[in-house]
N, C-alpha and C. Protein backbone atom coordinates (compact mmCIF):
# COMPACT_ATOMS: atom_id res chain seq x y z
N MET A 1 25.71 -8.14 11.20
CA MET A 1 24.28 -8.01 11.32
C MET A 1 23.92 -8.06 12.80
N TYR A 2 23.01 -7.19 13.19
CA TYR A 2 22.55 -7.15 14.59
C TYR A 2 21.12 -7.63 14.64
N ILE A 3 20.86 -8.59 15.47
CA ILE A 3 19.51 -9.13 15.65
C ILE A 3 18.98 -8.68 16.99
N GLU A 4 17.86 -7.95 16.95
CA GLU A 4 17.20 -7.51 18.19
C GLU A 4 16.67 -8.73 18.96
N ARG A 5 16.60 -8.62 20.25
CA ARG A 5 15.94 -9.66 21.04
C ARG A 5 14.45 -9.49 20.82
N THR A 6 13.83 -10.58 20.48
CA THR A 6 12.37 -10.57 20.28
C THR A 6 11.76 -11.82 20.89
N THR A 7 10.50 -11.71 21.22
CA THR A 7 9.76 -12.87 21.71
C THR A 7 9.13 -13.58 20.52
N SER A 8 8.64 -14.75 20.75
CA SER A 8 7.96 -15.49 19.69
C SER A 8 6.75 -14.70 19.21
N ALA A 9 6.01 -14.10 20.13
CA ALA A 9 4.84 -13.30 19.74
C ALA A 9 5.24 -12.10 18.88
N GLU A 10 6.33 -11.45 19.23
CA GLU A 10 6.81 -10.31 18.44
C GLU A 10 7.24 -10.76 17.05
N ARG A 11 7.92 -11.90 16.97
CA ARG A 11 8.35 -12.41 15.66
C ARG A 11 7.16 -12.76 14.78
N MET A 12 6.09 -13.26 15.39
CA MET A 12 4.88 -13.57 14.62
C MET A 12 4.26 -12.29 14.08
N ILE A 13 4.26 -11.23 14.85
CA ILE A 13 3.72 -9.96 14.39
C ILE A 13 4.56 -9.44 13.22
N ILE A 14 5.87 -9.53 13.35
CA ILE A 14 6.77 -9.08 12.27
C ILE A 14 6.51 -9.90 11.03
N ALA A 15 6.43 -11.22 11.18
CA ALA A 15 6.22 -12.10 10.03
C ALA A 15 4.90 -11.78 9.33
N GLN A 16 3.85 -11.59 10.11
CA GLN A 16 2.53 -11.26 9.51
C GLN A 16 2.58 -9.94 8.76
N ALA A 17 3.38 -9.01 9.24
CA ALA A 17 3.45 -7.71 8.61
C ALA A 17 4.22 -7.74 7.28
N VAL A 18 5.24 -8.62 7.17
CA VAL A 18 6.11 -8.56 5.98
C VAL A 18 6.15 -9.83 5.14
N ASP A 19 5.51 -10.90 5.57
CA ASP A 19 5.59 -12.15 4.80
C ASP A 19 5.12 -11.99 3.36
N GLY A 20 4.02 -11.30 3.16
CA GLY A 20 3.48 -11.18 1.82
C GLY A 20 4.43 -10.55 0.83
N ILE A 21 5.04 -9.46 1.22
CA ILE A 21 5.92 -8.76 0.29
C ILE A 21 7.26 -9.48 0.14
N PHE A 22 7.66 -10.27 1.16
CA PHE A 22 8.96 -10.92 1.05
C PHE A 22 8.99 -12.01 -0.02
N ALA A 23 7.88 -12.65 -0.30
CA ALA A 23 7.84 -13.61 -1.40
C ALA A 23 8.12 -12.88 -2.73
N ASP A 24 7.55 -11.69 -2.89
CA ASP A 24 7.80 -10.89 -4.08
C ASP A 24 9.25 -10.40 -4.15
N ILE A 25 9.80 -10.01 -3.01
CA ILE A 25 11.20 -9.56 -2.98
C ILE A 25 12.12 -10.72 -3.36
N MET A 26 11.86 -11.89 -2.86
CA MET A 26 12.71 -13.05 -3.19
C MET A 26 12.62 -13.36 -4.70
N ARG A 27 11.43 -13.28 -5.26
CA ARG A 27 11.26 -13.51 -6.71
C ARG A 27 12.02 -12.44 -7.50
N ALA A 28 11.91 -11.19 -7.07
CA ALA A 28 12.60 -10.09 -7.76
C ALA A 28 14.11 -10.30 -7.70
N ARG A 29 14.60 -10.73 -6.56
CA ARG A 29 16.03 -10.98 -6.43
C ARG A 29 16.51 -12.09 -7.37
N ARG A 30 15.70 -13.16 -7.50
CA ARG A 30 16.06 -14.25 -8.42
C ARG A 30 16.09 -13.75 -9.86
N MET A 31 15.10 -12.89 -10.23
CA MET A 31 15.09 -12.34 -11.58
C MET A 31 16.31 -11.46 -11.82
N LEU A 32 16.65 -10.65 -10.82
CA LEU A 32 17.81 -9.79 -10.95
C LEU A 32 19.08 -10.62 -11.11
N MET A 33 19.21 -11.67 -10.31
CA MET A 33 20.39 -12.53 -10.41
C MET A 33 20.47 -13.21 -11.78
N ASP A 34 19.34 -13.58 -12.35
CA ASP A 34 19.34 -14.17 -13.69
C ASP A 34 19.87 -13.17 -14.73
N VAL A 35 19.40 -11.94 -14.68
CA VAL A 35 19.87 -10.92 -15.61
C VAL A 35 21.35 -10.67 -15.42
N LEU A 36 21.77 -10.53 -14.15
CA LEU A 36 23.19 -10.29 -13.89
C LEU A 36 24.07 -11.43 -14.38
N SER A 37 23.69 -12.65 -14.09
CA SER A 37 24.56 -13.77 -14.47
C SER A 37 24.50 -14.04 -15.99
N ASP A 38 23.33 -13.81 -16.61
CA ASP A 38 23.22 -14.08 -18.05
C ASP A 38 23.87 -13.01 -18.92
N HIS A 39 23.92 -11.77 -18.43
CA HIS A 39 24.35 -10.67 -19.32
C HIS A 39 25.49 -9.82 -18.75
N PHE A 40 25.83 -9.98 -17.49
CA PHE A 40 26.85 -9.14 -16.90
C PHE A 40 27.83 -10.04 -16.16
N GLU A 41 28.28 -9.64 -15.03
CA GLU A 41 29.22 -10.37 -14.20
C GLU A 41 30.27 -11.09 -15.04
N TYR A 42 30.23 -12.41 -15.09
CA TYR A 42 31.29 -13.17 -15.78
C TYR A 42 30.85 -13.63 -17.17
N ALA A 43 29.66 -13.21 -17.60
CA ALA A 43 29.17 -13.61 -18.93
C ALA A 43 29.99 -12.91 -20.01
N GLU A 44 30.14 -13.60 -21.10
CA GLU A 44 30.82 -13.00 -22.25
C GLU A 44 29.98 -11.81 -22.72
N GLN A 45 30.61 -10.67 -22.86
CA GLN A 45 29.90 -9.48 -23.31
C GLN A 45 29.68 -9.55 -24.81
N LYS A 46 28.41 -9.55 -25.18
CA LYS A 46 28.08 -9.60 -26.59
C LYS A 46 26.88 -8.69 -26.86
N ALA A 47 26.73 -8.34 -28.07
CA ALA A 47 25.58 -7.50 -28.43
C ALA A 47 24.30 -8.31 -28.21
N ILE A 48 23.26 -7.61 -27.80
CA ILE A 48 21.99 -8.31 -27.59
C ILE A 48 20.95 -7.76 -28.55
N SER A 49 19.99 -8.58 -28.82
CA SER A 49 18.93 -8.18 -29.76
C SER A 49 17.99 -7.18 -29.09
N LYS A 50 17.21 -6.54 -29.90
CA LYS A 50 16.21 -5.61 -29.41
C LYS A 50 15.24 -6.34 -28.48
N GLU A 51 14.85 -7.54 -28.85
CA GLU A 51 13.92 -8.33 -28.03
C GLU A 51 14.51 -8.66 -26.67
N ASP A 52 15.81 -9.04 -26.65
CA ASP A 52 16.48 -9.34 -25.37
C ASP A 52 16.56 -8.07 -24.51
N ALA A 53 16.85 -6.94 -25.12
CA ALA A 53 16.92 -5.67 -24.39
C ALA A 53 15.56 -5.33 -23.79
N GLU A 54 14.51 -5.53 -24.58
CA GLU A 54 13.14 -5.26 -24.08
C GLU A 54 12.79 -6.21 -22.94
N ARG A 55 13.19 -7.48 -23.08
CA ARG A 55 12.91 -8.46 -22.03
C ARG A 55 13.63 -8.09 -20.75
N MET A 56 14.91 -7.68 -20.86
CA MET A 56 15.66 -7.25 -19.69
C MET A 56 15.05 -6.00 -19.06
N ALA A 57 14.61 -5.08 -19.90
CA ALA A 57 13.99 -3.88 -19.38
C ALA A 57 12.70 -4.22 -18.63
N ASP A 58 11.92 -5.16 -19.17
CA ASP A 58 10.70 -5.61 -18.50
C ASP A 58 11.03 -6.22 -17.14
N ILE A 59 12.06 -7.04 -17.09
CA ILE A 59 12.46 -7.68 -15.85
C ILE A 59 12.93 -6.64 -14.83
N LEU A 60 13.75 -5.69 -15.28
CA LEU A 60 14.24 -4.67 -14.37
C LEU A 60 13.12 -3.74 -13.89
N HIS A 61 12.17 -3.42 -14.76
CA HIS A 61 11.01 -2.63 -14.33
C HIS A 61 10.18 -3.41 -13.31
N SER A 62 9.99 -4.69 -13.54
CA SER A 62 9.23 -5.52 -12.61
C SER A 62 9.92 -5.57 -11.24
N ILE A 63 11.23 -5.72 -11.26
CA ILE A 63 12.00 -5.72 -10.00
C ILE A 63 11.84 -4.37 -9.29
N ASN A 64 11.95 -3.27 -10.06
CA ASN A 64 11.81 -1.94 -9.47
C ASN A 64 10.42 -1.76 -8.84
N VAL A 65 9.38 -2.19 -9.51
CA VAL A 65 8.01 -2.05 -8.98
C VAL A 65 7.88 -2.89 -7.69
N THR A 66 8.45 -4.09 -7.68
CA THR A 66 8.38 -4.95 -6.50
C THR A 66 9.09 -4.30 -5.31
N LEU A 67 10.28 -3.77 -5.57
CA LEU A 67 11.03 -3.13 -4.49
C LEU A 67 10.32 -1.88 -3.99
N TRP A 68 9.74 -1.10 -4.92
CA TRP A 68 8.97 0.08 -4.51
C TRP A 68 7.77 -0.34 -3.66
N ALA A 69 7.07 -1.40 -4.07
CA ALA A 69 5.91 -1.87 -3.30
C ALA A 69 6.33 -2.33 -1.92
N ALA A 70 7.50 -2.95 -1.81
CA ALA A 70 7.99 -3.39 -0.51
C ALA A 70 8.28 -2.18 0.37
N GLU A 71 8.92 -1.18 -0.20
CA GLU A 71 9.21 0.07 0.54
C GLU A 71 7.91 0.71 1.02
N LEU A 72 6.95 0.80 0.10
CA LEU A 72 5.67 1.42 0.41
C LEU A 72 4.94 0.65 1.50
N GLU A 73 4.87 -0.67 1.35
CA GLU A 73 4.18 -1.49 2.33
C GLU A 73 4.83 -1.38 3.70
N TYR A 74 6.15 -1.38 3.73
CA TYR A 74 6.87 -1.23 4.99
C TYR A 74 6.52 0.10 5.65
N ASP A 75 6.60 1.17 4.86
CA ASP A 75 6.33 2.50 5.43
C ASP A 75 4.88 2.62 5.90
N LEU A 76 3.94 2.06 5.14
CA LEU A 76 2.54 2.13 5.55
C LEU A 76 2.31 1.30 6.79
N THR A 77 3.01 0.16 6.92
CA THR A 77 2.86 -0.70 8.10
C THR A 77 3.44 -0.03 9.33
N THR A 78 4.55 0.67 9.16
CA THR A 78 5.21 1.26 10.32
C THR A 78 4.81 2.73 10.55
N GLY A 79 3.94 3.26 9.69
CA GLY A 79 3.48 4.63 9.87
C GLY A 79 4.48 5.67 9.37
N GLU A 80 5.43 5.27 8.56
CA GLU A 80 6.41 6.20 8.02
C GLU A 80 5.87 6.87 6.77
N ASN A 81 6.64 7.77 6.22
CA ASN A 81 6.20 8.50 5.03
C ASN A 81 7.36 8.76 4.09
N ARG A 82 8.25 7.81 3.94
CA ARG A 82 9.45 8.01 3.12
C ARG A 82 9.24 7.57 1.68
N ALA A 83 8.57 6.46 1.46
CA ALA A 83 8.45 5.89 0.12
C ALA A 83 7.55 6.75 -0.75
N PRO A 84 7.92 6.89 -2.01
CA PRO A 84 7.05 7.64 -2.93
C PRO A 84 5.66 6.96 -2.98
N GLY A 85 4.64 7.74 -2.84
CA GLY A 85 3.29 7.21 -2.89
C GLY A 85 2.60 7.11 -1.56
N CYS A 86 3.35 7.24 -0.46
CA CYS A 86 2.74 7.13 0.86
C CYS A 86 1.63 8.14 1.06
N ASP A 87 1.89 9.37 0.68
CA ASP A 87 0.90 10.44 0.91
C ASP A 87 -0.44 10.10 0.26
N SER A 88 -0.40 9.60 -0.97
CA SER A 88 -1.67 9.29 -1.62
C SER A 88 -2.39 8.13 -0.95
N TYR A 89 -1.67 7.16 -0.43
CA TYR A 89 -2.31 6.05 0.29
C TYR A 89 -2.92 6.56 1.59
N TYR A 90 -2.21 7.39 2.31
CA TYR A 90 -2.75 7.95 3.55
C TYR A 90 -3.97 8.80 3.25
N GLU A 91 -3.94 9.59 2.18
CA GLU A 91 -5.11 10.42 1.82
C GLU A 91 -6.30 9.54 1.42
N CYS A 92 -6.04 8.50 0.67
CA CYS A 92 -7.11 7.58 0.29
C CYS A 92 -7.72 6.91 1.53
N ALA A 93 -6.90 6.53 2.46
CA ALA A 93 -7.40 5.92 3.71
C ALA A 93 -8.23 6.93 4.49
N ARG A 94 -7.80 8.18 4.51
CA ARG A 94 -8.54 9.21 5.21
C ARG A 94 -9.91 9.41 4.57
N ARG A 95 -9.94 9.49 3.23
CA ARG A 95 -11.22 9.66 2.52
C ARG A 95 -12.12 8.45 2.69
N ALA A 96 -11.54 7.27 2.67
CA ALA A 96 -12.33 6.05 2.89
C ALA A 96 -12.97 6.04 4.26
N GLN A 97 -12.22 6.46 5.27
CA GLN A 97 -12.73 6.53 6.63
C GLN A 97 -13.90 7.53 6.71
N LEU A 98 -13.74 8.69 6.10
CA LEU A 98 -14.80 9.67 6.06
C LEU A 98 -16.06 9.11 5.40
N ALA A 99 -15.88 8.47 4.25
CA ALA A 99 -17.01 7.89 3.54
C ALA A 99 -17.71 6.84 4.39
N ARG A 100 -16.94 6.01 5.05
CA ARG A 100 -17.53 4.98 5.91
C ARG A 100 -18.30 5.60 7.06
N ASP A 101 -17.72 6.62 7.70
CA ASP A 101 -18.39 7.26 8.81
C ASP A 101 -19.69 7.91 8.38
N VAL A 102 -19.67 8.58 7.22
CA VAL A 102 -20.89 9.22 6.70
C VAL A 102 -21.95 8.16 6.42
N GLU A 103 -21.57 7.10 5.73
CA GLU A 103 -22.55 6.07 5.35
C GLU A 103 -23.10 5.34 6.56
N GLN A 104 -22.27 5.11 7.57
CA GLN A 104 -22.78 4.48 8.80
C GLN A 104 -23.83 5.37 9.48
N LEU A 105 -23.59 6.65 9.50
CA LEU A 105 -24.61 7.56 10.07
C LEU A 105 -25.85 7.63 9.21
N ARG A 106 -25.66 7.66 7.89
CA ARG A 106 -26.85 7.71 6.99
C ARG A 106 -27.70 6.45 7.17
N ASP A 107 -27.06 5.31 7.42
CA ASP A 107 -27.82 4.07 7.65
C ASP A 107 -28.63 4.13 8.91
N LYS A 108 -28.18 4.88 9.91
CA LYS A 108 -28.87 4.95 11.19
C LYS A 108 -29.95 6.04 11.19
N LEU A 109 -29.83 7.00 10.30
CA LEU A 109 -30.81 8.11 10.25
C LEU A 109 -31.81 7.84 9.14
N THR A 110 -32.85 8.63 9.13
CA THR A 110 -33.87 8.48 8.10
C THR A 110 -33.44 9.23 6.83
N TYR A 111 -34.09 8.87 5.75
CA TYR A 111 -33.83 9.55 4.48
C TYR A 111 -34.13 11.03 4.61
N LYS A 112 -35.23 11.35 5.27
CA LYS A 112 -35.64 12.74 5.45
C LYS A 112 -34.57 13.53 6.20
N GLU A 113 -33.93 12.91 7.17
CA GLU A 113 -32.90 13.59 7.96
C GLU A 113 -31.61 13.81 7.17
N THR A 114 -31.30 12.89 6.27
CA THR A 114 -30.00 12.94 5.57
C THR A 114 -30.07 13.52 4.17
N ALA A 115 -31.25 13.51 3.54
CA ALA A 115 -31.38 13.95 2.13
C ALA A 115 -30.84 15.36 1.89
N PRO A 116 -31.06 16.31 2.77
CA PRO A 116 -30.55 17.67 2.48
C PRO A 116 -29.03 17.75 2.40
N TYR A 117 -28.36 16.74 2.90
CA TYR A 117 -26.88 16.78 2.97
C TYR A 117 -26.20 15.79 2.05
N ALA A 118 -26.99 15.12 1.22
CA ALA A 118 -26.46 14.08 0.34
C ALA A 118 -25.49 14.60 -0.70
N GLU A 119 -25.64 15.86 -1.09
CA GLU A 119 -24.77 16.44 -2.12
C GLU A 119 -23.50 17.07 -1.55
N LEU A 120 -23.40 17.10 -0.22
CA LEU A 120 -22.22 17.70 0.40
C LEU A 120 -21.05 16.72 0.37
N ASP A 121 -19.84 17.25 0.32
CA ASP A 121 -18.69 16.35 0.43
C ASP A 121 -18.64 15.79 1.85
N ASP A 122 -18.00 14.66 2.02
CA ASP A 122 -18.01 13.94 3.29
C ASP A 122 -17.47 14.77 4.44
N GLU A 123 -16.44 15.57 4.21
CA GLU A 123 -15.87 16.40 5.29
C GLU A 123 -16.87 17.42 5.81
N THR A 124 -17.72 17.92 4.93
CA THR A 124 -18.74 18.88 5.34
C THR A 124 -19.93 18.18 5.96
N ALA A 125 -20.33 17.06 5.37
CA ALA A 125 -21.54 16.35 5.81
C ALA A 125 -21.35 15.67 7.16
N LEU A 126 -20.18 15.15 7.41
CA LEU A 126 -19.98 14.34 8.63
C LEU A 126 -20.34 15.08 9.91
N PRO A 127 -19.83 16.28 10.16
CA PRO A 127 -20.19 16.95 11.42
C PRO A 127 -21.68 17.25 11.52
N ILE A 128 -22.32 17.56 10.40
CA ILE A 128 -23.75 17.82 10.40
C ILE A 128 -24.51 16.55 10.77
N LEU A 129 -24.14 15.43 10.15
CA LEU A 129 -24.81 14.16 10.44
C LEU A 129 -24.57 13.70 11.87
N ARG A 130 -23.36 13.97 12.38
CA ARG A 130 -23.08 13.62 13.78
C ARG A 130 -23.97 14.43 14.73
N GLU A 131 -24.15 15.70 14.40
CA GLU A 131 -25.01 16.55 15.25
C GLU A 131 -26.46 16.04 15.22
N ILE A 132 -26.93 15.67 14.07
CA ILE A 132 -28.30 15.12 13.94
C ILE A 132 -28.39 13.83 14.74
N ALA A 133 -27.40 12.98 14.60
CA ALA A 133 -27.39 11.70 15.30
C ALA A 133 -27.38 11.89 16.81
N GLU A 134 -26.67 12.90 17.28
CA GLU A 134 -26.61 13.19 18.72
C GLU A 134 -28.00 13.56 19.25
N LYS A 135 -28.72 14.31 18.46
CA LYS A 135 -30.07 14.71 18.85
C LYS A 135 -31.00 13.52 18.91
N VAL A 136 -30.80 12.57 18.01
CA VAL A 136 -31.64 11.37 17.97
C VAL A 136 -31.24 10.40 19.08
N ARG A 137 -29.97 10.45 19.47
CA ARG A 137 -29.37 9.60 20.52
C ARG A 137 -29.53 8.10 20.24
N PHE A 138 -28.54 7.57 19.58
CA PHE A 138 -28.56 6.13 19.27
C PHE A 138 -28.20 5.33 20.47
């Protein structure tokens, strides 16, 4: 294992970025180890009931979701786009930013100034509202 040289401040930034998901990863690993030790590895191989199979499937699905969320959170934190789902999160963030920008301008302008553009999508309305705001000069 190679450990990069980091300062205390850098380590705090890293910890803040990943601490939340690491508790979930540790829990997922414990669940995985339970399934492995109880039913595989050195355990006596025996037929399992339908209920046990469903319980194991639930545990494995839960572990998979946790690991996917960790991948996604890491990629979103670092600006990557490898994990499945990144594109939709980036698109949602883009739309949220547009909505916020439009609403902030609408709050600063009068109803009369913004009403004609209320039915437009945010991408279309934003440049129009910015132009109106420029004329009003906040």
